[in-house]
Amino acid sequence: MYRKIMVPVDLAHVDALKGALTVAGDLGQHYETEICYVSVTHSSPGSVAHNPEEYEQKLEAFANEQAQQHGRPVSARVIVSSDPAVELDDKLLKAVKDMGADLVVMATHLPRKLDAIMPANGGKVAKETDASIFLVRP
């Protein structure tokens, strides 16, 4: 049913992604598909890496750990943004299209009142793509 699963990852908050990572791994095994871990990062130094190249190395290491844990082929893609907080949804939508992902597994938060003003990233991605979206709440 699925050929490629995309999983947005923020290496600064991996603990918050555990549920989504488990779901993606399980679905990858069930559908015998590749899992691509995608991360949007800033071009300037951050808490995880000094530059996008170092961030990419860390994301690839993370993806390889997930491959060992779930037994699925993986890939990693870093997308550089001048303002990840503002551009995140658009960058993720472009990644879904560019890589031909037909399923996106995303961690999300519980609904809150603020979502009426600032909707969660998963909602926008689900609204604007043909791919199936699986939102995993804590």
N, C-alpha and C. Protein backbone atom coordinates (compact mmCIF):
# COMPACT_ATOMS: atom_id res chain seq x y z
N MET A 1 0.82 -1.19 0.00
CA MET A 1 0.00 0.00 0.00
C MET A 1 0.87 1.27 0.00
N TYR A 2 1.93 1.28 0.80
CA TYR A 2 2.82 2.45 0.85
C TYR A 2 4.18 2.07 0.29
N ARG A 3 4.79 3.01 -0.40
CA ARG A 3 6.11 2.79 -0.99
C ARG A 3 7.21 3.54 -0.26
N LYS A 4 6.88 4.73 0.27
CA LYS A 4 7.88 5.53 0.97
C LYS A 4 7.22 6.29 2.10
N ILE A 5 7.81 6.13 3.28
CA ILE A 5 7.32 6.82 4.47
C ILE A 5 8.28 7.95 4.81
N MET A 6 7.74 9.13 5.01
CA MET A 6 8.55 10.28 5.43
C MET A 6 8.25 10.57 6.90
N VAL A 7 9.32 10.80 7.67
CA VAL A 7 9.16 11.11 9.09
C VAL A 7 9.92 12.40 9.38
N PRO A 8 9.22 13.50 9.65
CA PRO A 8 9.90 14.74 10.05
C PRO A 8 10.54 14.55 11.42
N VAL A 9 11.79 15.00 11.54
CA VAL A 9 12.57 14.81 12.75
C VAL A 9 13.22 16.13 13.17
N ASP A 10 13.15 16.43 14.45
CA ASP A 10 13.90 17.53 15.03
C ASP A 10 14.88 16.91 16.01
N LEU A 11 16.16 16.89 15.66
CA LEU A 11 17.15 16.23 16.49
C LEU A 11 17.29 16.86 17.87
N ALA A 12 16.82 18.07 18.04
CA ALA A 12 16.86 18.72 19.36
C ALA A 12 15.77 18.18 20.29
N HIS A 13 14.81 17.46 19.72
CA HIS A 13 13.67 16.97 20.52
C HIS A 13 13.34 15.51 20.20
N VAL A 14 14.34 14.68 20.10
CA VAL A 14 14.14 13.28 19.72
C VAL A 14 13.25 12.55 20.74
N ASP A 15 13.37 12.88 22.02
CA ASP A 15 12.55 12.20 23.03
C ASP A 15 11.06 12.37 22.76
N ALA A 16 10.66 13.52 22.23
CA ALA A 16 9.25 13.78 21.95
C ALA A 16 8.76 13.02 20.71
N LEU A 17 9.67 12.41 19.98
CA LEU A 17 9.33 11.73 18.73
C LEU A 17 9.20 10.22 18.87
N LYS A 18 9.43 9.70 20.05
CA LYS A 18 9.51 8.24 20.22
C LYS A 18 8.27 7.52 19.70
N GLY A 19 7.09 8.03 19.98
CA GLY A 19 5.87 7.39 19.49
C GLY A 19 5.81 7.36 17.98
N ALA A 20 6.09 8.49 17.36
CA ALA A 20 6.05 8.57 15.89
C ALA A 20 7.12 7.68 15.27
N LEU A 21 8.30 7.60 15.88
CA LEU A 21 9.37 6.76 15.35
C LEU A 21 8.98 5.28 15.43
N THR A 22 8.34 4.89 16.52
CA THR A 22 7.88 3.51 16.67
C THR A 22 6.81 3.17 15.63
N VAL A 23 5.86 4.08 15.46
CA VAL A 23 4.79 3.86 14.47
C VAL A 23 5.38 3.76 13.06
N ALA A 24 6.29 4.67 12.73
CA ALA A 24 6.90 4.64 11.40
C ALA A 24 7.67 3.34 11.18
N GLY A 25 8.41 2.91 12.19
CA GLY A 25 9.15 1.65 12.07
C GLY A 25 8.22 0.47 11.88
N ASP A 26 7.15 0.42 12.67
CA ASP A 26 6.18 -0.67 12.56
C ASP A 26 5.51 -0.69 11.18
N LEU A 27 5.11 0.49 10.70
CA LEU A 27 4.47 0.57 9.38
C LEU A 27 5.47 0.22 8.27
N GLY A 28 6.71 0.65 8.45
CA GLY A 28 7.74 0.32 7.47
C GLY A 28 7.94 -1.19 7.37
N GLN A 29 7.94 -1.87 8.51
CA GLN A 29 8.08 -3.33 8.51
C GLN A 29 6.85 -3.98 7.88
N HIS A 30 5.68 -3.51 8.27
CA HIS A 30 4.44 -4.11 7.76
C HIS A 30 4.33 -3.97 6.24
N TYR A 31 4.62 -2.79 5.73
CA TYR A 31 4.47 -2.54 4.29
C TYR A 31 5.76 -2.74 3.52
N GLU A 32 6.83 -3.16 4.22
CA GLU A 32 8.13 -3.42 3.59
C GLU A 32 8.57 -2.24 2.73
N THR A 33 8.65 -1.07 3.37
CA THR A 33 8.95 0.15 2.65
C THR A 33 10.13 0.90 3.26
N GLU A 34 10.70 1.77 2.50
CA GLU A 34 11.78 2.65 2.95
C GLU A 34 11.20 3.75 3.84
N ILE A 35 12.01 4.17 4.80
CA ILE A 35 11.63 5.28 5.67
C ILE A 35 12.66 6.40 5.48
N CYS A 36 12.18 7.59 5.18
CA CYS A 36 13.06 8.74 5.01
C CYS A 36 12.84 9.71 6.17
N TYR A 37 13.91 10.00 6.89
CA TYR A 37 13.87 10.95 8.00
C TYR A 37 14.28 12.31 7.46
N VAL A 38 13.39 13.29 7.63
CA VAL A 38 13.58 14.63 7.09
C VAL A 38 13.67 15.63 8.22
N SER A 39 14.61 16.55 8.11
CA SER A 39 14.75 17.57 9.14
C SER A 39 15.01 18.92 8.49
N VAL A 40 14.33 19.93 9.00
CA VAL A 40 14.52 21.31 8.53
C VAL A 40 15.37 22.02 9.57
N THR A 41 16.47 22.60 9.12
CA THR A 41 17.39 23.26 10.05
C THR A 41 17.81 24.62 9.52
N HIS A 42 18.34 25.40 10.41
CA HIS A 42 18.84 26.74 10.10
C HIS A 42 20.26 26.64 9.57
N SER A 43 20.69 27.60 8.78
CA SER A 43 22.05 27.59 8.26
C SER A 43 23.08 28.05 9.28
N SER A 44 22.64 28.69 10.34
CA SER A 44 23.57 29.16 11.37
C SER A 44 23.71 28.10 12.48
N PRO A 45 24.73 28.23 13.33
CA PRO A 45 24.93 27.26 14.41
C PRO A 45 23.71 27.17 15.33
N GLY A 46 23.47 25.96 15.81
CA GLY A 46 22.34 25.74 16.72
C GLY A 46 22.76 24.82 17.85
N SER A 47 21.80 24.37 18.63
CA SER A 47 22.09 23.53 19.78
C SER A 47 22.53 22.12 19.39
N VAL A 48 22.20 21.68 18.18
CA VAL A 48 22.53 20.32 17.75
C VAL A 48 23.81 20.27 16.92
N ALA A 49 24.01 21.28 16.07
CA ALA A 49 25.16 21.27 15.17
C ALA A 49 25.61 22.69 14.85
N HIS A 50 26.87 22.78 14.44
CA HIS A 50 27.45 24.08 14.11
C HIS A 50 27.07 24.57 12.71
N ASN A 51 26.73 23.63 11.83
CA ASN A 51 26.39 23.99 10.45
C ASN A 51 25.53 22.88 9.84
N PRO A 52 24.94 23.14 8.69
CA PRO A 52 24.07 22.13 8.07
C PRO A 52 24.78 20.81 7.75
N GLU A 53 26.06 20.87 7.41
CA GLU A 53 26.80 19.66 7.09
C GLU A 53 26.92 18.76 8.32
N GLU A 54 27.24 19.36 9.46
CA GLU A 54 27.33 18.59 10.70
C GLU A 54 25.95 18.04 11.09
N TYR A 55 24.93 18.86 10.90
CA TYR A 55 23.56 18.41 11.19
C TYR A 55 23.21 17.21 10.31
N GLU A 56 23.60 17.26 9.05
CA GLU A 56 23.31 16.16 8.14
C GLU A 56 24.00 14.87 8.59
N GLN A 57 25.23 14.98 9.04
CA GLN A 57 25.94 13.80 9.55
C GLN A 57 25.20 13.20 10.75
N LYS A 58 24.72 14.06 11.63
CA LYS A 58 24.00 13.58 12.81
C LYS A 58 22.66 12.97 12.43
N LEU A 59 21.97 13.55 11.43
CA LEU A 59 20.70 12.98 10.99
C LEU A 59 20.93 11.62 10.33
N GLU A 60 21.99 11.50 9.54
CA GLU A 60 22.30 10.21 8.91
C GLU A 60 22.62 9.15 9.96
N ALA A 61 23.36 9.52 11.00
CA ALA A 61 23.66 8.58 12.09
C ALA A 61 22.37 8.16 12.79
N PHE A 62 21.49 9.13 13.01
CA PHE A 62 20.19 8.85 13.63
C PHE A 62 19.39 7.88 12.75
N ALA A 63 19.34 8.15 11.45
CA ALA A 63 18.60 7.29 10.52
C ALA A 63 19.17 5.87 10.54
N ASN A 64 20.48 5.74 10.58
CA ASN A 64 21.10 4.42 10.62
C ASN A 64 20.76 3.68 11.92
N GLU A 65 20.67 4.40 13.03
CA GLU A 65 20.23 3.78 14.29
C GLU A 65 18.81 3.25 14.15
N GLN A 66 17.95 4.04 13.51
CA GLN A 66 16.56 3.62 13.31
C GLN A 66 16.50 2.40 12.39
N ALA A 67 17.37 2.36 11.38
CA ALA A 67 17.40 1.21 10.47
C ALA A 67 17.76 -0.06 11.22
N GLN A 68 18.72 0.03 12.12
CA GLN A 68 19.11 -1.13 12.91
C GLN A 68 17.97 -1.56 13.84
N GLN A 69 17.28 -0.59 14.39
CA GLN A 69 16.21 -0.88 15.34
C GLN A 69 15.00 -1.50 14.65
N HIS A 70 14.66 -1.01 13.45
CA HIS A 70 13.43 -1.43 12.79
C HIS A 70 13.65 -2.35 11.58
N GLY A 71 14.90 -2.50 11.17
CA GLY A 71 15.18 -3.42 10.07
C GLY A 71 14.65 -2.99 8.73
N ARG A 72 14.57 -1.70 8.50
CA ARG A 72 14.08 -1.18 7.22
C ARG A 72 15.16 -0.33 6.56
N PRO A 73 15.18 -0.28 5.23
CA PRO A 73 16.09 0.66 4.57
C PRO A 73 15.67 2.09 4.88
N VAL A 74 16.64 2.96 5.07
CA VAL A 74 16.34 4.34 5.43
C VAL A 74 17.14 5.30 4.57
N SER A 75 16.70 6.53 4.59
CA SER A 75 17.46 7.64 4.01
C SER A 75 17.25 8.84 4.91
N ALA A 76 18.07 9.85 4.72
CA ALA A 76 17.97 11.06 5.53
C ALA A 76 18.09 12.26 4.60
N ARG A 77 17.31 13.28 4.89
CA ARG A 77 17.35 14.50 4.08
C ARG A 77 17.29 15.71 5.00
N VAL A 78 18.29 16.56 4.87
CA VAL A 78 18.31 17.82 5.61
C VAL A 78 17.91 18.93 4.67
N ILE A 79 17.00 19.77 5.12
CA ILE A 79 16.55 20.91 4.35
C ILE A 79 16.96 22.16 5.11
N VAL A 80 17.74 23.02 4.45
CA VAL A 80 18.21 24.24 5.09
C VAL A 80 17.21 25.36 4.83
N SER A 81 16.90 26.09 5.90
CA SER A 81 15.92 27.17 5.83
C SER A 81 16.48 28.40 6.53
N SER A 82 16.16 29.56 6.01
CA SER A 82 16.59 30.79 6.68
C SER A 82 15.76 31.05 7.93
N ASP A 83 14.54 30.50 7.98
CA ASP A 83 13.68 30.65 9.16
C ASP A 83 12.81 29.41 9.31
N PRO A 84 13.36 28.35 9.93
CA PRO A 84 12.61 27.09 10.03
C PRO A 84 11.25 27.22 10.72
N ALA A 85 11.13 28.08 11.69
CA ALA A 85 9.85 28.22 12.40
C ALA A 85 8.75 28.70 11.45
N VAL A 86 9.09 29.57 10.53
CA VAL A 86 8.11 30.12 9.60
C VAL A 86 7.93 29.22 8.38
N GLU A 87 9.01 28.64 7.90
CA GLU A 87 8.99 27.90 6.64
C GLU A 87 8.78 26.39 6.78
N LEU A 88 8.66 25.90 8.00
CA LEU A 88 8.63 24.46 8.22
C LEU A 88 7.56 23.75 7.40
N ASP A 89 6.34 24.19 7.46
CA ASP A 89 5.26 23.51 6.73
C ASP A 89 5.53 23.46 5.24
N ASP A 90 5.92 24.60 4.67
CA ASP A 90 6.18 24.65 3.23
C ASP A 90 7.35 23.75 2.83
N LYS A 91 8.38 23.71 3.66
CA LYS A 91 9.55 22.85 3.38
C LYS A 91 9.15 21.38 3.46
N LEU A 92 8.34 21.02 4.44
CA LEU A 92 7.89 19.63 4.56
C LEU A 92 7.00 19.25 3.38
N LEU A 93 6.11 20.14 2.97
CA LEU A 93 5.24 19.86 1.82
C LEU A 93 6.07 19.64 0.55
N LYS A 94 7.08 20.45 0.36
CA LYS A 94 7.96 20.29 -0.80
C LYS A 94 8.70 18.96 -0.73
N ALA A 95 9.16 18.59 0.45
CA ALA A 95 9.87 17.32 0.62
C ALA A 95 8.97 16.13 0.29
N VAL A 96 7.72 16.19 0.74
CA VAL A 96 6.77 15.11 0.44
C VAL A 96 6.66 14.94 -1.07
N LYS A 97 6.50 16.04 -1.77
CA LYS A 97 6.35 16.00 -3.22
C LYS A 97 7.64 15.55 -3.90
N ASP A 98 8.77 16.15 -3.51
CA ASP A 98 10.05 15.84 -4.16
C ASP A 98 10.43 14.37 -4.02
N MET A 99 10.20 13.79 -2.85
CA MET A 99 10.64 12.41 -2.63
C MET A 99 9.56 11.39 -2.99
N GLY A 100 8.37 11.86 -3.28
CA GLY A 100 7.29 10.95 -3.64
C GLY A 100 6.78 10.14 -2.47
N ALA A 101 6.85 10.72 -1.27
CA ALA A 101 6.33 10.01 -0.09
C ALA A 101 4.82 9.88 -0.21
N ASP A 102 4.34 8.70 0.13
CA ASP A 102 2.88 8.52 0.10
C ASP A 102 2.30 8.37 1.50
N LEU A 103 3.18 8.39 2.52
CA LEU A 103 2.74 8.39 3.92
C LEU A 103 3.71 9.24 4.72
N VAL A 104 3.17 10.13 5.54
CA VAL A 104 3.97 10.96 6.44
C VAL A 104 3.54 10.61 7.86
N VAL A 105 4.50 10.23 8.68
CA VAL A 105 4.23 9.94 10.09
C VAL A 105 4.85 11.06 10.89
N MET A 106 4.01 11.83 11.59
CA MET A 106 4.47 13.01 12.32
C MET A 106 4.06 12.96 13.78
N ALA A 107 4.97 13.36 14.64
CA ALA A 107 4.61 13.58 16.04
C ALA A 107 3.83 14.88 16.12
N THR A 108 2.89 14.94 17.02
CA THR A 108 2.12 16.17 17.22
C THR A 108 1.77 16.29 18.70
N HIS A 109 1.20 17.42 19.05
CA HIS A 109 0.81 17.66 20.44
C HIS A 109 -0.70 17.46 20.60
N LEU A 110 -1.14 17.42 21.84
CA LEU A 110 -2.57 17.35 22.10
C LEU A 110 -3.23 18.65 21.66
N PRO A 111 -4.47 18.62 21.22
CA PRO A 111 -5.16 19.85 20.80
C PRO A 111 -5.21 20.86 21.94
N ARG A 112 -5.09 22.14 21.57
CA ARG A 112 -5.19 23.22 22.55
C ARG A 112 -5.86 24.41 21.90
N LYS A 113 -6.27 25.36 22.70
CA LYS A 113 -6.99 26.52 22.19
C LYS A 113 -6.16 27.34 21.21
N LEU A 114 -4.87 27.40 21.44
CA LEU A 114 -3.99 28.18 20.57
C LEU A 114 -4.00 27.66 19.13
N ASP A 115 -4.39 26.40 18.92
CA ASP A 115 -4.43 25.83 17.57
C ASP A 115 -5.39 26.58 16.65
N ALA A 116 -6.37 27.26 17.21
CA ALA A 116 -7.31 28.03 16.39
C ALA A 116 -6.59 29.19 15.70
N ILE A 117 -5.56 29.71 16.34
CA ILE A 117 -4.80 30.83 15.78
C ILE A 117 -3.57 30.32 15.02
N MET A 118 -2.86 29.39 15.64
CA MET A 118 -1.64 28.83 15.05
C MET A 118 -1.80 27.31 14.98
N PRO A 119 -2.34 26.79 13.87
CA PRO A 119 -2.57 25.35 13.78
C PRO A 119 -1.27 24.55 13.80
N ALA A 120 -1.37 23.31 14.22
CA ALA A 120 -0.22 22.42 14.27
C ALA A 120 0.29 22.14 12.85
N ASN A 121 1.58 21.84 12.76
CA ASN A 121 2.20 21.58 11.46
C ASN A 121 1.52 20.42 10.73
N GLY A 122 1.18 19.37 11.46
CA GLY A 122 0.55 18.21 10.84
C GLY A 122 -0.75 18.54 10.14
N GLY A 123 -1.52 19.44 10.72
CA GLY A 123 -2.78 19.83 10.11
C GLY A 123 -2.60 20.49 8.76
N LYS A 124 -1.63 21.37 8.66
CA LYS A 124 -1.39 22.04 7.37
C LYS A 124 -0.85 21.05 6.35
N VAL A 125 0.07 20.20 6.77
CA VAL A 125 0.62 19.22 5.84
C VAL A 125 -0.50 18.30 5.34
N ALA A 126 -1.37 17.86 6.24
CA ALA A 126 -2.48 16.99 5.84
C ALA A 126 -3.43 17.68 4.88
N LYS A 127 -3.65 18.96 5.10
CA LYS A 127 -4.59 19.73 4.30
C LYS A 127 -4.07 19.97 2.88
N GLU A 128 -2.76 20.05 2.73
CA GLU A 128 -2.21 20.51 1.45
C GLU A 128 -1.43 19.47 0.66
N THR A 129 -1.56 18.20 1.00
CA THR A 129 -0.87 17.16 0.24
C THR A 129 -1.80 16.00 -0.04
N ASP A 130 -1.46 15.22 -1.04
CA ASP A 130 -2.23 14.02 -1.36
C ASP A 130 -1.77 12.81 -0.55
N ALA A 131 -0.60 12.92 0.09
CA ALA A 131 -0.08 11.81 0.89
C ALA A 131 -0.96 11.59 2.11
N SER A 132 -0.98 10.36 2.59
CA SER A 132 -1.66 10.07 3.84
C SER A 132 -0.81 10.60 4.99
N ILE A 133 -1.46 11.11 6.02
CA ILE A 133 -0.76 11.67 7.17
C ILE A 133 -1.19 10.91 8.41
N PHE A 134 -0.23 10.44 9.17
CA PHE A 134 -0.50 9.75 10.43
C PHE A 134 0.10 10.62 11.53
N LEU A 135 -0.76 11.29 12.29
CA LEU A 135 -0.32 12.15 13.40
C LEU A 135 -0.30 11.32 14.68
N VAL A 136 0.84 11.34 15.35
CA VAL A 136 1.02 10.54 16.56
C VAL A 136 1.09 11.48 17.75
N ARG A 137 0.11 11.38 18.63
CA ARG A 137 0.08 12.22 19.84
C ARG A 137 0.81 11.53 20.97
N PRO A 138 1.29 12.34 21.94
CA PRO A 138 2.00 11.74 23.08
C PRO A 138 1.07 10.92 23.95
